[in-house]
Amino acid sequence: MANKKKVGPRIKAQVGGGLQLQPHEVIVRPLVTEKGVHRATRNNHYAFEVHPQATKIDVRRAIEELFEVKVEKVMTQNRPGKPRRYRNRVSRTSNWKKAVVKLDPEHRIDFF
């Protein structure tokens, strides 16, 4: 048998070529809902609608730069559009991306 070298876990290197978004382009708007306010006060989690092609790294950098806070974790979801009716026509709203950001316990974001 040949000696096989054990290789550690591979880490994906972020290669250029993706979209280069400015911080104000990454964050579309904050999602202020009853559930979001509850999560912000209890768990220090804040939800945002973000650009559909933004990565977790892009979201982290944008939040840290725009709000001057330290981000611990970023969780993203691709949300499907909903069907809508107008008179006799049926259409759909656009698909969108949601990011929930967990901040360092010492930091907070005040929307109001």
PDB file of N, CA and C in Angstrom:
ATOM      1  N   MET A   1       0.830  -1.189   0.000  1.00  0.00           N
ATOM      2  CA  MET A   1       0.000   0.000   0.000  1.00  0.00           C
ATOM      3  C   MET A   1       0.872   1.249   0.000  1.00  0.00           C
ATOM      4  N   ALA A   2       0.408   2.206  -0.709  1.00  0.00           N
ATOM      5  CA  ALA A   2       1.137   3.468  -0.783  1.00  0.00           C
ATOM      6  C   ALA A   2       0.727   4.357   0.382  1.00  0.00           C
ATOM      7  N   ASN A   3       1.688   5.113   0.869  1.00  0.00           N
ATOM      8  CA  ASN A   3       1.373   6.066   1.931  1.00  0.00           C
ATOM      9  C   ASN A   3       0.570   7.218   1.354  1.00  0.00           C
ATOM     10  N   LYS A   4      -0.567   7.475   1.949  1.00  0.00           N
ATOM     11  CA  LYS A   4      -1.393   8.600   1.494  1.00  0.00           C
ATOM     12  C   LYS A   4      -1.286   9.718   2.506  1.00  0.00           C
ATOM     13  N   LYS A   5      -1.062  10.894   1.995  1.00  0.00           N
ATOM     14  CA  LYS A   5      -0.952  12.065   2.849  1.00  0.00           C
ATOM     15  C   LYS A   5      -2.354  12.536   3.211  1.00  0.00           C
ATOM     16  N   LYS A   6      -2.582  12.778   4.488  1.00  0.00           N
ATOM     17  CA  LYS A   6      -3.890  13.262   4.934  1.00  0.00           C
ATOM     18  C   LYS A   6      -3.984  14.765   4.668  1.00  0.00           C
ATOM     19  N   VAL A   7      -5.035  15.141   3.983  1.00  0.00           N
ATOM     20  CA  VAL A   7      -5.224  16.544   3.623  1.00  0.00           C
ATOM     21  C   VAL A   7      -6.321  17.125   4.496  1.00  0.00           C
ATOM     22  N   GLY A   8      -6.085  18.309   5.043  1.00  0.00           N
ATOM     23  CA  GLY A   8      -7.070  18.981   5.893  1.00  0.00           C
ATOM     24  C   GLY A   8      -8.245  19.493   5.078  1.00  0.00           C
ATOM     25  N   PRO A   9      -9.215  20.105   5.749  1.00  0.00           N
ATOM     26  CA  PRO A   9     -10.384  20.623   5.029  1.00  0.00           C
ATOM     27  C   PRO A   9      -9.981  21.731   4.063  1.00  0.00           C
ATOM     28  N   ARG A  10     -10.634  21.727   2.934  1.00  0.00           N
ATOM     29  CA  ARG A  10     -10.329  22.741   1.926  1.00  0.00           C
ATOM     30  C   ARG A  10     -11.121  24.002   2.209  1.00  0.00           C
ATOM     31  N   ILE A  11     -10.491  25.112   1.989  1.00  0.00           N
ATOM     32  CA  ILE A  11     -11.140  26.403   2.210  1.00  0.00           C
ATOM     33  C   ILE A  11     -11.271  27.083   0.859  1.00  0.00           C
ATOM     34  N   LYS A  12     -12.489  27.479   0.552  1.00  0.00           N
ATOM     35  CA  LYS A  12     -12.708  28.180  -0.708  1.00  0.00           C
ATOM     36  C   LYS A  12     -12.125  29.579  -0.601  1.00  0.00           C
ATOM     37  N   ALA A  13     -11.325  29.927  -1.547  1.00  0.00           N
ATOM     38  CA  ALA A  13     -10.798  31.291  -1.596  1.00  0.00           C
ATOM     39  C   ALA A  13     -11.747  32.124  -2.439  1.00  0.00           C
ATOM     40  N   GLN A  14     -12.066  33.295  -1.961  1.00  0.00           N
ATOM     41  CA  GLN A  14     -12.954  34.154  -2.731  1.00  0.00           C
ATOM     42  C   GLN A  14     -12.152  34.754  -3.873  1.00  0.00           C
ATOM     43  N   VAL A  15     -12.559  34.389  -5.066  1.00  0.00           N
ATOM     44  CA  VAL A  15     -11.866  34.853  -6.257  1.00  0.00           C
ATOM     45  C   VAL A  15     -12.625  36.035  -6.813  1.00  0.00           C
ATOM     46  N   GLY A  16     -11.906  37.031  -7.305  1.00  0.00           N
ATOM     47  CA  GLY A  16     -12.551  38.193  -7.890  1.00  0.00           C
ATOM     48  C   GLY A  16     -13.393  37.796  -9.095  1.00  0.00           C
ATOM     49  N   GLY A  17     -14.070  38.733  -9.669  1.00  0.00           N
ATOM     50  CA  GLY A  17     -14.909  38.442 -10.818  1.00  0.00           C
ATOM     51  C   GLY A  17     -16.377  38.542 -10.475  1.00  0.00           C
ATOM     52  N   GLY A  18     -16.692  38.568  -9.196  1.00  0.00           N
ATOM     53  CA  GLY A  18     -18.078  38.748  -8.781  1.00  0.00           C
ATOM     54  C   GLY A  18     -18.461  40.211  -8.870  1.00  0.00           C
ATOM     55  N   LEU A  19     -19.668  40.497  -8.456  1.00  0.00           N
ATOM     56  CA  LEU A  19     -20.148  41.877  -8.472  1.00  0.00           C
ATOM     57  C   LEU A  19     -19.438  42.673  -7.381  1.00  0.00           C
ATOM     58  N   GLN A  20     -18.955  43.840  -7.702  1.00  0.00           N
ATOM     59  CA  GLN A  20     -18.329  44.709  -6.715  1.00  0.00           C
ATOM     60  C   GLN A  20     -19.362  45.745  -6.291  1.00  0.00           C
ATOM     61  N   LEU A  21     -20.026  45.500  -5.166  1.00  0.00           N
ATOM     62  CA  LEU A  21     -21.099  46.371  -4.696  1.00  0.00           C
ATOM     63  C   LEU A  21     -20.593  47.307  -3.606  1.00  0.00           C
ATOM     64  N   GLN A  22     -21.066  48.531  -3.622  1.00  0.00           N
ATOM     65  CA  GLN A  22     -20.788  49.485  -2.555  1.00  0.00           C
ATOM     66  C   GLN A  22     -21.692  49.138  -1.367  1.00  0.00           C
ATOM     67  N   PRO A  23     -21.312  49.512  -0.143  1.00  0.00           N
ATOM     68  CA  PRO A  23     -22.131  49.169   1.028  1.00  0.00           C
ATOM     69  C   PRO A  23     -23.577  49.639   0.932  1.00  0.00           C
ATOM     70  N   HIS A  24     -23.800  50.829   0.378  1.00  0.00           N
ATOM     71  CA  HIS A  24     -25.175  51.317   0.280  1.00  0.00           C
ATOM     72  C   HIS A  24     -25.959  50.579  -0.805  1.00  0.00           C
ATOM     73  N   GLU A  25     -25.282  49.850  -1.694  1.00  0.00           N
ATOM     74  CA  GLU A  25     -25.962  49.038  -2.702  1.00  0.00           C
ATOM     75  C   GLU A  25     -26.292  47.649  -2.174  1.00  0.00           C
ATOM     76  N   VAL A  26     -25.514  47.166  -1.215  1.00  0.00           N
ATOM     77  CA  VAL A  26     -25.743  45.833  -0.648  1.00  0.00           C
ATOM     78  C   VAL A  26     -27.010  45.832   0.190  1.00  0.00           C
ATOM     79  N   ILE A  27     -27.162  46.806   1.082  1.00  0.00           N
ATOM     80  CA  ILE A  27     -28.315  46.877   1.977  1.00  0.00           C
ATOM     81  C   ILE A  27     -29.430  47.637   1.266  1.00  0.00           C
ATOM     82  N   VAL A  28     -30.535  46.948   0.967  1.00  0.00           N
ATOM     83  CA  VAL A  28     -31.666  47.597   0.304  1.00  0.00           C
ATOM     84  C   VAL A  28     -32.499  48.350   1.327  1.00  0.00           C
ATOM     85  N   ARG A  29     -32.874  47.665   2.419  1.00  0.00           N
ATOM     86  CA  ARG A  29     -33.660  48.312   3.473  1.00  0.00           C
ATOM     87  C   ARG A  29     -33.667  47.416   4.699  1.00  0.00           C
ATOM     88  N   PRO A  30     -33.834  47.992   5.882  1.00  0.00           N
ATOM     89  CA  PRO A  30     -34.009  47.167   7.081  1.00  0.00           C
ATOM     90  C   PRO A  30     -35.429  46.619   7.122  1.00  0.00           C
ATOM     91  N   LEU A  31     -35.583  45.427   7.654  1.00  0.00           N
ATOM     92  CA  LEU A  31     -36.907  44.826   7.798  1.00  0.00           C
ATOM     93  C   LEU A  31     -37.352  45.024   9.242  1.00  0.00           C
ATOM     94  N   VAL A  32     -38.214  45.995   9.452  1.00  0.00           N
ATOM     95  CA  VAL A  32     -38.698  46.305  10.796  1.00  0.00           C
ATOM     96  C   VAL A  32     -40.087  45.708  10.933  1.00  0.00           C
ATOM     97  N   THR A  33     -40.169  44.582  11.634  1.00  0.00           N
ATOM     98  CA  THR A  33     -41.436  43.899  11.881  1.00  0.00           C
ATOM     99  C   THR A  33     -41.539  43.616  13.373  1.00  0.00           C
ATOM    100  N   GLU A  34     -42.687  43.139  13.779  1.00  0.00           N
ATOM    101  CA  GLU A  34     -42.870  42.800  15.191  1.00  0.00           C
ATOM    102  C   GLU A  34     -41.893  41.700  15.602  1.00  0.00           C
ATOM    103  N   LYS A  35     -41.751  40.695  14.753  1.00  0.00           N
ATOM    104  CA  LYS A  35     -40.818  39.607  15.031  1.00  0.00           C
ATOM    105  C   LYS A  35     -39.372  40.123  15.042  1.00  0.00           C
ATOM    106  N   GLY A  36     -39.061  41.024  14.117  1.00  0.00           N
ATOM    107  CA  GLY A  36     -37.714  41.575  14.035  1.00  0.00           C
ATOM    108  C   GLY A  36     -37.345  42.402  15.249  1.00  0.00           C
ATOM    109  N   VAL A  37     -38.292  43.185  15.745  1.00  0.00           N
ATOM    110  CA  VAL A  37     -38.046  43.994  16.944  1.00  0.00           C
ATOM    111  C   VAL A  37     -37.822  43.082  18.144  1.00  0.00           C
ATOM    112  N   HIS A  38     -38.588  41.997  18.224  1.00  0.00           N
ATOM    113  CA  HIS A  38     -38.431  41.029  19.311  1.00  0.00           C
ATOM    114  C   HIS A  38     -37.036  40.394  19.250  1.00  0.00           C
ATOM    115  N   ARG A  39     -36.611  39.996  18.052  1.00  0.00           N
ATOM    116  CA  ARG A  39     -35.289  39.382  17.892  1.00  0.00           C
ATOM    117  C   ARG A  39     -34.170  40.376  18.200  1.00  0.00           C
ATOM    118  N   ALA A  40     -34.389  41.646  17.854  1.00  0.00           N
ATOM    119  CA  ALA A  40     -33.359  42.658  18.096  1.00  0.00           C
ATOM    120  C   ALA A  40     -33.179  42.913  19.589  1.00  0.00           C
ATOM    121  N   THR A  41     -34.286  42.983  20.332  1.00  0.00           N
ATOM    122  CA  THR A  41     -34.183  43.289  21.758  1.00  0.00           C
ATOM    123  C   THR A  41     -33.685  42.094  22.563  1.00  0.00           C
ATOM    124  N   ARG A  42     -34.078  40.892  22.175  1.00  0.00           N
ATOM    125  CA  ARG A  42     -33.685  39.713  22.956  1.00  0.00           C
ATOM    126  C   ARG A  42     -32.357  39.105  22.518  1.00  0.00           C
ATOM    127  N   ASN A  43     -32.177  38.945  21.202  1.00  0.00           N
ATOM    128  CA  ASN A  43     -31.029  38.185  20.698  1.00  0.00           C
ATOM    129  C   ASN A  43     -29.991  39.024  19.968  1.00  0.00           C
ATOM    130  N   ASN A  44     -30.252  40.310  19.812  1.00  0.00           N
ATOM    131  CA  ASN A  44     -29.349  41.201  19.085  1.00  0.00           C
ATOM    132  C   ASN A  44     -29.194  40.776  17.618  1.00  0.00           C
ATOM    133  N   HIS A  45     -30.300  40.292  17.005  1.00  0.00           N
ATOM    134  CA  HIS A  45     -30.346  39.924  15.588  1.00  0.00           C
ATOM    135  C   HIS A  45     -31.127  40.992  14.840  1.00  0.00           C
ATOM    136  N   TYR A  46     -30.625  41.419  13.688  1.00  0.00           N
ATOM    137  CA  TYR A  46     -31.290  42.437  12.874  1.00  0.00           C
ATOM    138  C   TYR A  46     -31.465  41.896  11.464  1.00  0.00           C
ATOM    139  N   ALA A  47     -32.635  42.152  10.861  1.00  0.00           N
ATOM    140  CA  ALA A  47     -32.941  41.640   9.526  1.00  0.00           C
ATOM    141  C   ALA A  47     -32.905  42.770   8.502  1.00  0.00           C
ATOM    142  N   PHE A  48     -32.393  42.453   7.316  1.00  0.00           N
ATOM    143  CA  PHE A  48     -32.287  43.413   6.222  1.00  0.00           C
ATOM    144  C   PHE A  48     -32.657  42.728   4.914  1.00  0.00           C
ATOM    145  N   GLU A  49     -33.249  43.508   4.001  1.00  0.00           N
ATOM    146  CA  GLU A  49     -33.362  43.047   2.624  1.00  0.00           C
ATOM    147  C   GLU A  49     -32.067  43.470   1.949  1.00  0.00           C
ATOM    148  N   VAL A  50     -31.418  42.528   1.267  1.00  0.00           N
ATOM    149  CA  VAL A  50     -30.124  42.808   0.652  1.00  0.00           C
ATOM    150  C   VAL A  50     -30.175  42.529  -0.849  1.00  0.00           C
ATOM    151  N   HIS A  51     -29.169  42.987  -1.561  1.00  0.00           N
ATOM    152  CA  HIS A  51     -29.049  42.761  -3.000  1.00  0.00           C
ATOM    153  C   HIS A  51     -29.016  41.252  -3.254  1.00  0.00           C
ATOM    154  N   PRO A  52     -29.748  40.758  -4.254  1.00  0.00           N
ATOM    155  CA  PRO A  52     -29.827  39.308  -4.485  1.00  0.00           C
ATOM    156  C   PRO A  52     -28.484  38.639  -4.761  1.00  0.00           C
ATOM    157  N   GLN A  53     -27.504  39.362  -5.267  1.00  0.00           N
ATOM    158  CA  GLN A  53     -26.210  38.754  -5.570  1.00  0.00           C
ATOM    159  C   GLN A  53     -25.159  39.039  -4.504  1.00  0.00           C
ATOM    160  N   ALA A  54     -25.557  39.646  -3.402  1.00  0.00           N
ATOM    161  CA  ALA A  54     -24.611  39.936  -2.319  1.00  0.00           C
ATOM    162  C   ALA A  54     -24.312  38.655  -1.544  1.00  0.00           C
ATOM    163  N   THR A  55     -23.057  38.474  -1.176  1.00  0.00           N
ATOM    164  CA  THR A  55     -22.656  37.315  -0.387  1.00  0.00           C
ATOM    165  C   THR A  55     -22.691  37.675   1.100  1.00  0.00           C
ATOM    166  N   LYS A  56     -22.491  36.674   1.946  1.00  0.00           N
ATOM    167  CA  LYS A  56     -22.455  36.929   3.387  1.00  0.00           C
ATOM    168  C   LYS A  56     -21.300  37.870   3.740  1.00  0.00           C
ATOM    169  N   ILE A  57     -20.199  37.727   3.046  1.00  0.00           N
ATOM    170  CA  ILE A  57     -19.043  38.596   3.293  1.00  0.00           C
ATOM    171  C   ILE A  57     -19.383  40.035   2.926  1.00  0.00           C
ATOM    172  N   ASP A  58     -20.074  40.219   1.789  1.00  0.00           N
ATOM    173  CA  ASP A  58     -20.495  41.564   1.375  1.00  0.00           C
ATOM    174  C   ASP A  58     -21.418  42.184   2.418  1.00  0.00           C
ATOM    175  N   VAL A  59     -22.365  41.388   2.926  1.00  0.00           N
ATOM    176  CA  VAL A  59     -23.327  41.887   3.915  1.00  0.00           C
ATOM    177  C   VAL A  59     -22.598  42.280   5.196  1.00  0.00           C
ATOM    178  N   ARG A  60     -21.682  41.439   5.646  1.00  0.00           N
ATOM    179  CA  ARG A  60     -20.909  41.737   6.863  1.00  0.00           C
ATOM    180  C   ARG A  60     -20.147  43.055   6.722  1.00  0.00           C
ATOM    181  N   ARG A  61     -19.445  43.224   5.615  1.00  0.00           N
ATOM    182  CA  ARG A  61     -18.663  44.448   5.407  1.00  0.00           C
ATOM    183  C   ARG A  61     -19.557  45.679   5.336  1.00  0.00           C
ATOM    184  N   ALA A  62     -20.700  45.551   4.660  1.00  0.00           N
ATOM    185  CA  ALA A  62     -21.609  46.692   4.512  1.00  0.00           C
ATOM    186  C   ALA A  62     -22.186  47.111   5.859  1.00  0.00           C
ATOM    187  N   ILE A  63     -22.637  46.148   6.672  1.00  0.00           N
ATOM    188  CA  ILE A  63     -23.220  46.459   7.986  1.00  0.00           C
ATOM    189  C   ILE A  63     -22.164  47.097   8.884  1.00  0.00           C
ATOM    190  N   GLU A  64     -20.970  46.521   8.898  1.00  0.00           N
ATOM    191  CA  GLU A  64     -19.919  47.065   9.756  1.00  0.00           C
ATOM    192  C   GLU A  64     -19.524  48.479   9.337  1.00  0.00           C
ATOM    193  N   GLU A  65     -19.532  48.753   8.043  1.00  0.00           N
ATOM    194  CA  GLU A  65     -19.137  50.086   7.578  1.00  0.00           C
ATOM    195  C   GLU A  65     -20.253  51.109   7.762  1.00  0.00           C
ATOM    196  N   LEU A  66     -21.486  50.744   7.417  1.00  0.00           N
ATOM    197  CA  LEU A  66     -22.589  51.707   7.474  1.00  0.00           C
ATOM    198  C   LEU A  66     -23.023  52.028   8.904  1.00  0.00           C
ATOM    199  N   PHE A  67     -23.075  51.013   9.770  1.00  0.00           N
ATOM    200  CA  PHE A  67     -23.600  51.212  11.122  1.00  0.00           C
ATOM    201  C   PHE A  67     -22.511  51.249  12.188  1.00  0.00           C
ATOM    202  N   GLU A  68     -21.246  51.026  11.806  1.00  0.00           N
ATOM    203  CA  GLU A  68     -20.111  51.052  12.730  1.00  0.00           C
ATOM    204  C   GLU A  68     -20.329  50.128  13.924  1.00  0.00           C
ATOM    205  N   VAL A  69     -20.624  48.860  13.627  1.00  0.00           N
ATOM    206  CA  VAL A  69     -20.822  47.829  14.639  1.00  0.00           C
ATOM    207  C   VAL A  69     -19.962  46.625  14.268  1.00  0.00           C
ATOM    208  N   LYS A  70     -19.859  45.658  15.197  1.00  0.00           N
ATOM    209  CA  LYS A  70     -19.112  44.431  14.935  1.00  0.00           C
ATOM    210  C   LYS A  70     -20.109  43.298  14.716  1.00  0.00           C
ATOM    211  N   VAL A  71     -20.010  42.623  13.575  1.00  0.00           N
ATOM    212  CA  VAL A  71     -20.922  41.540  13.215  1.00  0.00           C
ATOM    213  C   VAL A  71     -20.302  40.214  13.621  1.00  0.00           C
ATOM    214  N   GLU A  72     -21.081  39.367  14.314  1.00  0.00           N
ATOM    215  CA  GLU A  72     -20.615  38.038  14.692  1.00  0.00           C
ATOM    216  C   GLU A  72     -20.984  36.994  13.650  1.00  0.00           C
ATOM    217  N   LYS A  73     -22.213  37.095  13.103  1.00  0.00           N
ATOM    218  CA  LYS A  73     -22.715  36.040  12.230  1.00  0.00           C
ATOM    219  C   LYS A  73     -23.697  36.626  11.224  1.00  0.00           C
ATOM    220  N   VAL A  74     -23.710  36.082  10.005  1.00  0.00           N
ATOM    221  CA  VAL A  74     -24.660  36.497   8.973  1.00  0.00           C
ATOM    222  C   VAL A  74     -25.379  35.256   8.465  1.00  0.00           C
ATOM    223  N   MET A  75     -26.706  35.299   8.467  1.00  0.00           N
ATOM    224  CA  MET A  75     -27.523  34.200   7.948  1.00  0.00           C
ATOM    225  C   MET A  75     -28.376  34.751   6.807  1.00  0.00           C
ATOM    226  N   THR A  76     -28.359  34.097   5.650  1.00  0.00           N
ATOM    227  CA  THR A  76     -29.098  34.607   4.496  1.00  0.00           C
ATOM    228  C   THR A  76     -30.164  33.617   4.055  1.00  0.00           C
ATOM    229  N   GLN A  77     -31.201  34.152   3.433  1.00  0.00           N
ATOM    230  CA  GLN A  77     -32.288  33.342   2.863  1.00  0.00           C
ATOM    231  C   GLN A  77     -32.680  33.951   1.532  1.00  0.00           C
ATOM    232  N   ASN A  78     -32.938  33.104   0.549  1.00  0.00           N
ATOM    233  CA  ASN A  78     -33.525  33.571  -0.701  1.00  0.00           C
ATOM    234  C   ASN A  78     -35.026  33.374  -0.587  1.00  0.00           C
ATOM    235  N   ARG A  79     -35.774  34.451  -0.605  1.00  0.00           N
ATOM    236  CA  ARG A  79     -37.219  34.399  -0.408  1.00  0.00           C
ATOM    237  C   ARG A  79     -37.927  34.438  -1.762  1.00  0.00           C
ATOM    238  N   PRO A  80     -38.873  33.530  -1.992  1.00  0.00           N
ATOM    239  CA  PRO A  80     -39.593  33.539  -3.268  1.00  0.00           C
ATOM    240  C   PRO A  80     -40.634  34.652  -3.308  1.00  0.00           C
ATOM    241  N   GLY A  81     -40.910  35.136  -4.510  1.00  0.00           N
ATOM    242  CA  GLY A  81     -41.963  36.132  -4.677  1.00  0.00           C
ATOM    243  C   GLY A  81     -43.325  35.500  -4.455  1.00  0.00           C
ATOM    244  N   LYS A  82     -44.304  36.328  -4.158  1.00  0.00           N
ATOM    245  CA  LYS A  82     -45.654  35.829  -3.894  1.00  0.00           C
ATOM    246  C   LYS A  82     -46.557  36.135  -5.082  1.00  0.00           C
ATOM    247  N   PRO A  83     -47.557  35.293  -5.325  1.00  0.00           N
ATOM    248  CA  PRO A  83     -48.510  35.612  -6.391  1.00  0.00           C
ATOM    249  C   PRO A  83     -49.414  36.767  -5.970  1.00  0.00           C
ATOM    250  N   ARG A  84     -49.692  37.651  -6.899  1.00  0.00           N
ATOM    251  CA  ARG A  84     -50.566  38.801  -6.649  1.00  0.00           C
ATOM    252  C   ARG A  84     -51.586  38.892  -7.767  1.00  0.00           C
ATOM    253  N   ARG A  85     -52.775  39.366  -7.421  1.00  0.00           N
ATOM    254  CA  ARG A  85     -53.829  39.537  -8.422  1.00  0.00           C
ATOM    255  C   ARG A  85     -54.185  41.004  -8.547  1.00  0.00           C
ATOM    256  N   TYR A  86     -54.424  41.420  -9.777  1.00  0.00           N
ATOM    257  CA  TYR A  86     -54.897  42.769 -10.054  1.00  0.00           C
ATOM    258  C   TYR A  86     -55.945  42.632 -11.136  1.00  0.00           C
ATOM    259  N   ARG A  87     -57.174  42.901 -10.777  1.00  0.00           N
ATOM    260  CA  ARG A  87     -58.319  42.690 -11.670  1.00  0.00           C
ATOM    261  C   ARG A  87     -58.319  41.243 -12.155  1.00  0.00           C
ATOM    262  N   ASN A  88     -58.202  41.032 -13.464  1.00  0.00           N
ATOM    263  CA  ASN A  88     -58.251  39.658 -13.974  1.00  0.00           C
ATOM    264  C   ASN A  88     -56.868  39.067 -14.220  1.00  0.00           C
ATOM    265  N   ARG A  89     -55.849  39.772 -13.859  1.00  0.00           N
ATOM    266  CA  ARG A  89     -54.490  39.303 -14.145  1.00  0.00           C
ATOM    267  C   ARG A  89     -53.833  38.754 -12.875  1.00  0.00           C
ATOM    268  N   VAL A  90     -53.008  37.746 -13.072  1.00  0.00           N
ATOM    269  CA  VAL A  90     -52.229  37.177 -11.979  1.00  0.00           C
ATOM    270  C   VAL A  90     -50.759  37.431 -12.296  1.00  0.00           C
ATOM    271  N   SER A  91     -50.038  37.950 -11.323  1.00  0.00           N
ATOM    272  CA  SER A  91     -48.608  38.198 -11.502  1.00  0.00           C
ATOM    273  C   SER A  91     -47.891  37.768 -10.228  1.00  0.00           C
ATOM    274  N   ARG A  92     -46.612  38.008 -10.186  1.00  0.00           N
ATOM    275  CA  ARG A  92     -45.814  37.650  -9.007  1.00  0.00           C
ATOM    276  C   ARG A  92     -44.954  38.836  -8.595  1.00  0.00           C
ATOM    277  N   THR A  93     -44.709  38.939  -7.292  1.00  0.00           N
ATOM    278  CA  THR A  93     -43.723  39.907  -6.829  1.00  0.00           C
ATOM    279  C   THR A  93     -42.336  39.307  -7.082  1.00  0.00           C
ATOM    280  N   SER A  94     -41.326  40.110  -7.061  1.00  0.00           N
ATOM    281  CA  SER A  94     -39.963  39.647  -7.345  1.00  0.00           C
ATOM    282  C   SER A  94     -39.436  38.785  -6.205  1.00  0.00           C
ATOM    283  N   ASN A  95     -38.554  37.858  -6.541  1.00  0.00           N
ATOM    284  CA  ASN A  95     -37.822  37.125  -5.523  1.00  0.00           C
ATOM    285  C   ASN A  95     -36.852  38.106  -4.860  1.00  0.00           C
ATOM    286  N   TRP A  96     -36.525  37.870  -3.580  1.00  0.00           N
ATOM    287  CA  TRP A  96     -35.629  38.775  -2.880  1.00  0.00           C
ATOM    288  C   TRP A  96     -34.786  38.007  -1.877  1.00  0.00           C
ATOM    289  N   LYS A  97     -33.768  38.663  -1.365  1.00  0.00           N
ATOM    290  CA  LYS A  97     -32.845  38.023  -0.436  1.00  0.00           C
ATOM    291  C   LYS A  97     -32.909  38.717   0.910  1.00  0.00           C
ATOM    292  N   LYS A  98     -32.967  37.915   1.955  1.00  0.00           N
ATOM    293  CA  LYS A  98     -33.054  38.420   3.327  1.00  0.00           C
ATOM    294  C   LYS A  98     -31.778  38.014   4.062  1.00  0.00           C
ATOM    295  N   ALA A  99     -31.249  38.923   4.859  1.00  0.00           N
ATOM    296  CA  ALA A  99     -30.077  38.627   5.680  1.00  0.00           C
ATOM    297  C   ALA A  99     -30.396  38.966   7.126  1.00  0.00           C
ATOM    298  N   VAL A 100     -30.142  38.016   8.018  1.00  0.00           N
ATOM    299  CA  VAL A 100     -30.286  38.247   9.452  1.00  0.00           C
ATOM    300  C   VAL A 100     -28.870  38.308  10.020  1.00  0.00           C
ATOM    301  N   VAL A 101     -28.571  39.411  10.693  1.00  0.00           N
ATOM    302  CA  VAL A 101     -27.218  39.683  11.169  1.00  0.00           C
ATOM    303  C   VAL A 101     -27.208  39.648  12.686  1.00  0.00           C
ATOM    304  N   LYS A 102     -26.295  38.852  13.247  1.00  0.00           N
ATOM    305  CA  LYS A 102     -26.121  38.822  14.705  1.00  0.00           C
ATOM    306  C   LYS A 102     -24.944  39.722  15.049  1.00  0.00           C
ATOM    307  N   LEU A 103     -25.196  40.667  15.948  1.00  0.00           N
ATOM    308  CA  LEU A 103     -24.153  41.617  16.340  1.00  0.00           C
ATOM    309  C   LEU A 103     -23.472  41.183  17.625  1.00  0.00           C
ATOM    310  N   ASP A 104     -22.298  41.739  17.843  1.00  0.00           N
ATOM    311  CA  ASP A 104     -21.571  41.563  19.087  1.00  0.00           C
ATOM    312  C   ASP A 104     -22.446  42.092  20.226  1.00  0.00           C
ATOM    313  N   PRO A 105     -22.453  41.442  21.405  1.00  0.00           N
ATOM    314  CA  PRO A 105     -23.327  41.887  22.504  1.00  0.00           C
ATOM    315  C   PRO A 105     -23.137  43.343  22.923  1.00  0.00           C
ATOM    316  N   GLU A 106     -21.974  43.920  22.659  1.00  0.00           N
ATOM    317  CA  GLU A 106     -21.723  45.311  23.056  1.00  0.00           C
ATOM    318  C   GLU A 106     -22.312  46.318  22.081  1.00  0.00           C
ATOM    319  N   HIS A 107     -22.737  45.875  20.906  1.00  0.00           N
ATOM    320  CA  HIS A 107     -23.191  46.784  19.860  1.00  0.00           C
ATOM    321  C   HIS A 107     -24.695  46.668  19.637  1.00  0.00           C
ATOM    322  N   ARG A 108     -25.301  47.781  19.206  1.00  0.00           N
ATOM    323  CA  ARG A 108     -26.733  47.845  18.895  1.00  0.00           C
ATOM    324  C   ARG A 108     -26.929  48.752  17.696  1.00  0.00           C
ATOM    325  N   ILE A 109     -28.053  48.548  16.985  1.00  0.00           N
ATOM    326  CA  ILE A 109     -28.446  49.436  15.893  1.00  0.00           C
ATOM    327  C   ILE A 109     -29.787  50.037  16.273  1.00  0.00           C
ATOM    328  N   ASP A 110     -29.886  51.361  16.258  1.00  0.00           N
ATOM    329  CA  ASP A 110     -31.147  52.038  16.554  1.00  0.00           C
ATOM    330  C   ASP A 110     -31.741  52.550  15.252  1.00  0.00           C
ATOM    331  N   PHE A 111     -32.898  52.006  14.884  1.00  0.00           N
ATOM    332  CA  PHE A 111     -33.570  52.436  13.664  1.00  0.00           C
ATOM    333  C   PHE A 111     -34.473  53.629  13.917  1.00  0.00           C
ATOM    334  N   PHE A 112     -34.884  53.827  15.165  1.00  0.00           N
ATOM    335  CA  PHE A 112     -35.836  54.898  15.463  1.00  0.00           C
ATOM    336  C   PHE A 112     -35.180  55.980  16.292  1.00  0.00           C
TER     337      PHE A 112
END
